[in-house]
Amino acid sequence: MASKETTKIILQSMIALASAAFGLVAALAWNDAIKETIKLLMADDESLASKYVYAILATAIAVVIVLVLARFAARVGGEAAIQREAEG
Protein backbone atom coordinates (compact mmCIF):
# COMPACT_ATOMS: atom_id res chain seq x y z
CA MET A 1 0.00 0.00 0.00
CA ALA A 2 1.31 3.43 -0.91
CA SER A 3 1.60 5.96 1.84
CA LYS A 4 -0.13 9.34 1.70
CA GLU A 5 3.21 11.02 0.97
CA THR A 6 3.92 8.68 -1.95
CA THR A 7 0.44 9.24 -3.38
CA LYS A 8 0.90 13.00 -3.03
CA ILE A 9 4.25 12.87 -4.87
CA ILE A 10 2.74 10.77 -7.66
CA LEU A 11 -0.19 13.16 -8.08
CA GLN A 12 2.12 16.20 -8.11
CA SER A 13 4.29 14.53 -10.74
CA MET A 14 1.28 13.68 -12.89
CA ILE A 15 0.01 17.26 -12.68
CA ALA A 16 3.45 18.65 -13.59
CA LEU A 17 3.77 16.27 -16.56
CA ALA A 18 0.25 17.02 -17.81
CA SER A 19 0.90 20.76 -17.52
CA ALA A 20 4.14 20.42 -19.48
CA ALA A 21 2.38 18.35 -22.14
CA PHE A 22 -0.39 20.92 -22.59
CA GLY A 23 2.23 23.66 -22.70
CA LEU A 24 4.01 21.83 -25.51
CA VAL A 25 0.77 21.41 -27.44
CA ALA A 26 0.03 25.13 -27.10
CA ALA A 27 3.58 26.04 -28.16
CA LEU A 28 3.33 23.85 -31.26
CA ALA A 29 -0.03 25.42 -32.16
CA TRP A 30 1.46 28.92 -31.86
CA ASN A 31 4.47 27.76 -33.87
CA ASP A 32 2.19 26.71 -36.73
CA ALA A 33 0.18 29.92 -36.55
CA ILE A 34 3.25 32.15 -36.65
CA LYS A 35 4.82 30.13 -39.50
CA GLU A 36 1.68 30.35 -41.60
CA THR A 37 1.34 34.08 -40.92
CA ILE A 38 4.89 34.71 -42.09
CA LYS A 39 4.31 32.55 -45.18
CA LEU A 40 1.22 34.60 -45.96
CA LEU A 41 3.00 37.92 -45.41
CA MET A 42 6.07 36.88 -47.42
CA ALA A 43 4.07 35.36 -50.31
CA ASP A 44 4.92 31.71 -49.54
CA ASP A 45 8.65 32.47 -49.53
CA GLU A 46 10.65 29.50 -48.22
CA SER A 47 14.02 31.27 -48.38
CA LEU A 48 16.60 31.45 -45.65
CA ALA A 49 15.63 35.08 -45.03
CA SER A 50 12.04 34.08 -44.27
CA LYS A 51 13.29 31.49 -41.77
CA TYR A 52 15.31 34.17 -39.99
CA VAL A 53 12.33 36.51 -39.96
CA TYR A 54 10.32 33.70 -38.37
CA ALA A 55 13.03 32.98 -35.79
CA ILE A 56 13.39 36.64 -34.82
CA LEU A 57 9.63 37.15 -34.60
CA ALA A 58 9.12 33.98 -32.54
CA THR A 59 11.93 35.03 -30.17
CA ALA A 60 10.51 38.53 -29.73
CA ILE A 61 7.04 37.16 -28.99
CA ALA A 62 8.47 34.65 -26.48
CA VAL A 63 10.45 37.35 -24.66
CA VAL A 64 7.43 39.64 -24.40
CA ILE A 65 5.20 36.84 -23.12
CA VAL A 66 7.76 35.70 -20.52
CA LEU A 67 8.18 39.28 -19.25
CA VAL A 68 4.40 39.77 -19.02
CA LEU A 69 4.01 36.50 -17.14
CA ALA A 70 6.87 37.40 -14.79
CA ARG A 71 5.19 40.72 -13.96
CA PHE A 72 1.88 38.96 -13.42
CA ALA A 73 3.50 36.40 -11.12
CA ALA A 74 5.12 39.20 -9.11
CA ARG A 75 1.77 41.01 -8.76
CA VAL A 76 -0.05 37.98 -7.42
CA GLY A 77 2.76 37.29 -4.99
CA GLY A 78 4.25 34.27 -6.68
CA GLU A 79 7.81 33.74 -7.76
CA ALA A 80 8.59 34.31 -11.40
CA ALA A 81 10.81 31.91 -13.27
CA ILE A 82 13.03 34.87 -14.21
CA GLN A 83 13.84 38.12 -12.50
CA ARG A 84 14.88 41.29 -14.20
CA GLU A 85 18.29 42.54 -13.16
CA ALA A 86 16.98 45.99 -12.16
CA GLU A 87 14.54 44.47 -9.69
CA GLY A 88 17.23 42.42 -7.95
C-alpha atoms as a PDB file:
ATOM      1  CA  MET A   1       0.000   0.000   0.000  1.00  0.00           C
ATOM      2  CA  ALA A   2       1.308   3.427  -0.905  1.00  0.00           C
ATOM      3  CA  SER A   3       1.602   5.957   1.845  1.00  0.00           C
ATOM      4  CA  LYS A   4      -0.133   9.339   1.696  1.00  0.00           C
ATOM      5  CA  GLU A   5       3.211  11.017   0.966  1.00  0.00           C
ATOM      6  CA  THR A   6       3.917   8.683  -1.954  1.00  0.00           C
ATOM      7  CA  THR A   7       0.436   9.240  -3.377  1.00  0.00           C
ATOM      8  CA  LYS A   8       0.905  12.996  -3.034  1.00  0.00           C
ATOM      9  CA  ILE A   9       4.247  12.872  -4.872  1.00  0.00           C
ATOM     10  CA  ILE A  10       2.741  10.765  -7.659  1.00  0.00           C
ATOM     11  CA  LEU A  11      -0.192  13.155  -8.083  1.00  0.00           C
ATOM     12  CA  GLN A  12       2.118  16.197  -8.112  1.00  0.00           C
ATOM     13  CA  SER A  13       4.295  14.532 -10.739  1.00  0.00           C
ATOM     14  CA  MET A  14       1.276  13.677 -12.895  1.00  0.00           C
ATOM     15  CA  ILE A  15       0.009  17.261 -12.682  1.00  0.00           C
ATOM     16  CA  ALA A  16       3.446  18.648 -13.592  1.00  0.00           C
ATOM     17  CA  LEU A  17       3.766  16.271 -16.560  1.00  0.00           C
ATOM     18  CA  ALA A  18       0.249  17.022 -17.806  1.00  0.00           C
ATOM     19  CA  SER A  19       0.901  20.765 -17.517  1.00  0.00           C
ATOM     20  CA  ALA A  20       4.135  20.420 -19.483  1.00  0.00           C
ATOM     21  CA  ALA A  21       2.376  18.348 -22.144  1.00  0.00           C
ATOM     22  CA  PHE A  22      -0.394  20.920 -22.586  1.00  0.00           C
ATOM     23  CA  GLY A  23       2.230  23.662 -22.703  1.00  0.00           C
ATOM     24  CA  LEU A  24       4.010  21.828 -25.510  1.00  0.00           C
ATOM     25  CA  VAL A  25       0.767  21.406 -27.445  1.00  0.00           C
ATOM     26  CA  ALA A  26       0.032  25.132 -27.103  1.00  0.00           C
ATOM     27  CA  ALA A  27       3.578  26.038 -28.156  1.00  0.00           C
ATOM     28  CA  LEU A  28       3.325  23.851 -31.257  1.00  0.00           C
ATOM     29  CA  ALA A  29      -0.027  25.421 -32.158  1.00  0.00           C
ATOM     30  CA  TRP A  30       1.456  28.920 -31.865  1.00  0.00           C
ATOM     31  CA  ASN A  31       4.471  27.757 -33.871  1.00  0.00           C
ATOM     32  CA  ASP A  32       2.190  26.713 -36.734  1.00  0.00           C
ATOM     33  CA  ALA A  33       0.175  29.923 -36.546  1.00  0.00           C
ATOM     34  CA  ILE A  34       3.251  32.148 -36.653  1.00  0.00           C
ATOM     35  CA  LYS A  35       4.817  30.132 -39.495  1.00  0.00           C
ATOM     36  CA  GLU A  36       1.681  30.349 -41.597  1.00  0.00           C
ATOM     37  CA  THR A  37       1.336  34.080 -40.920  1.00  0.00           C
ATOM     38  CA  ILE A  38       4.890  34.709 -42.094  1.00  0.00           C
ATOM     39  CA  LYS A  39       4.313  32.553 -45.181  1.00  0.00           C
ATOM     40  CA  LEU A  40       1.221  34.602 -45.961  1.00  0.00           C
ATOM     41  CA  LEU A  41       3.001  37.918 -45.407  1.00  0.00           C
ATOM     42  CA  MET A  42       6.065  36.878 -47.422  1.00  0.00           C
ATOM     43  CA  ALA A  43       4.071  35.359 -50.305  1.00  0.00           C
ATOM     44  CA  ASP A  44       4.921  31.713 -49.544  1.00  0.00           C
ATOM     45  CA  ASP A  45       8.651  32.473 -49.530  1.00  0.00           C
ATOM     46  CA  GLU A  46      10.654  29.501 -48.223  1.00  0.00           C
ATOM     47  CA  SER A  47      14.020  31.272 -48.380  1.00  0.00           C
ATOM     48  CA  LEU A  48      16.603  31.448 -45.648  1.00  0.00           C
ATOM     49  CA  ALA A  49      15.631  35.079 -45.033  1.00  0.00           C
ATOM     50  CA  SER A  50      12.038  34.083 -44.266  1.00  0.00           C
ATOM     51  CA  LYS A  51      13.288  31.488 -41.767  1.00  0.00           C
ATOM     52  CA  TYR A  52      15.313  34.167 -39.994  1.00  0.00           C
ATOM     53  CA  VAL A  53      12.330  36.505 -39.957  1.00  0.00           C
ATOM     54  CA  TYR A  54      10.315  33.704 -38.365  1.00  0.00           C
ATOM     55  CA  ALA A  55      13.034  32.977 -35.786  1.00  0.00           C
ATOM     56  CA  ILE A  56      13.388  36.643 -34.824  1.00  0.00           C
ATOM     57  CA  LEU A  57       9.627  37.154 -34.597  1.00  0.00           C
ATOM     58  CA  ALA A  58       9.123  33.982 -32.539  1.00  0.00           C
ATOM     59  CA  THR A  59      11.925  35.025 -30.172  1.00  0.00           C
ATOM     60  CA  ALA A  60      10.507  38.527 -29.734  1.00  0.00           C
ATOM     61  CA  ILE A  61       7.043  37.155 -28.992  1.00  0.00           C
ATOM     62  CA  ALA A  62       8.467  34.653 -26.481  1.00  0.00           C
ATOM     63  CA  VAL A  63      10.453  37.352 -24.659  1.00  0.00           C
ATOM     64  CA  VAL A  64       7.432  39.640 -24.404  1.00  0.00           C
ATOM     65  CA  ILE A  65       5.196  36.837 -23.117  1.00  0.00           C
ATOM     66  CA  VAL A  66       7.757  35.702 -20.517  1.00  0.00           C
ATOM     67  CA  LEU A  67       8.179  39.278 -19.247  1.00  0.00           C
ATOM     68  CA  VAL A  68       4.405  39.775 -19.022  1.00  0.00           C
ATOM     69  CA  LEU A  69       4.006  36.497 -17.144  1.00  0.00           C
ATOM     70  CA  ALA A  70       6.872  37.397 -14.785  1.00  0.00           C
ATOM     71  CA  ARG A  71       5.190  40.718 -13.962  1.00  0.00           C
ATOM     72  CA  PHE A  72       1.879  38.956 -13.421  1.00  0.00           C
ATOM     73  CA  ALA A  73       3.498  36.399 -11.117  1.00  0.00           C
ATOM     74  CA  ALA A  74       5.115  39.203  -9.108  1.00  0.00           C
ATOM     75  CA  ARG A  75       1.772  41.007  -8.763  1.00  0.00           C
ATOM     76  CA  VAL A  76      -0.045  37.978  -7.416  1.00  0.00           C
ATOM     77  CA  GLY A  77       2.764  37.286  -4.986  1.00  0.00           C
ATOM     78  CA  GLY A  78       4.252  34.268  -6.685  1.00  0.00           C
ATOM     79  CA  GLU A  79       7.807  33.741  -7.760  1.00  0.00           C
ATOM     80  CA  ALA A  80       8.592  34.306 -11.399  1.00  0.00           C
ATOM     81  CA  ALA A  81      10.815  31.906 -13.275  1.00  0.00           C
ATOM     82  CA  ILE A  82      13.030  34.867 -14.210  1.00  0.00           C
ATOM     83  CA  GLN A  83      13.835  38.124 -12.501  1.00  0.00           C
ATOM     84  CA  ARG A  84      14.881  41.292 -14.198  1.00  0.00           C
ATOM     85  CA  GLU A  85      18.288  42.537 -13.157  1.00  0.00           C
ATOM     86  CA  ALA A  86      16.980  45.990 -12.162  1.00  0.00           C
ATOM     87  CA  GLU A  87      14.542  44.471  -9.688  1.00  0.00           C
ATOM     88  CA  GLY A  88      17.230  42.415  -7.952  1.00  0.00           C
END
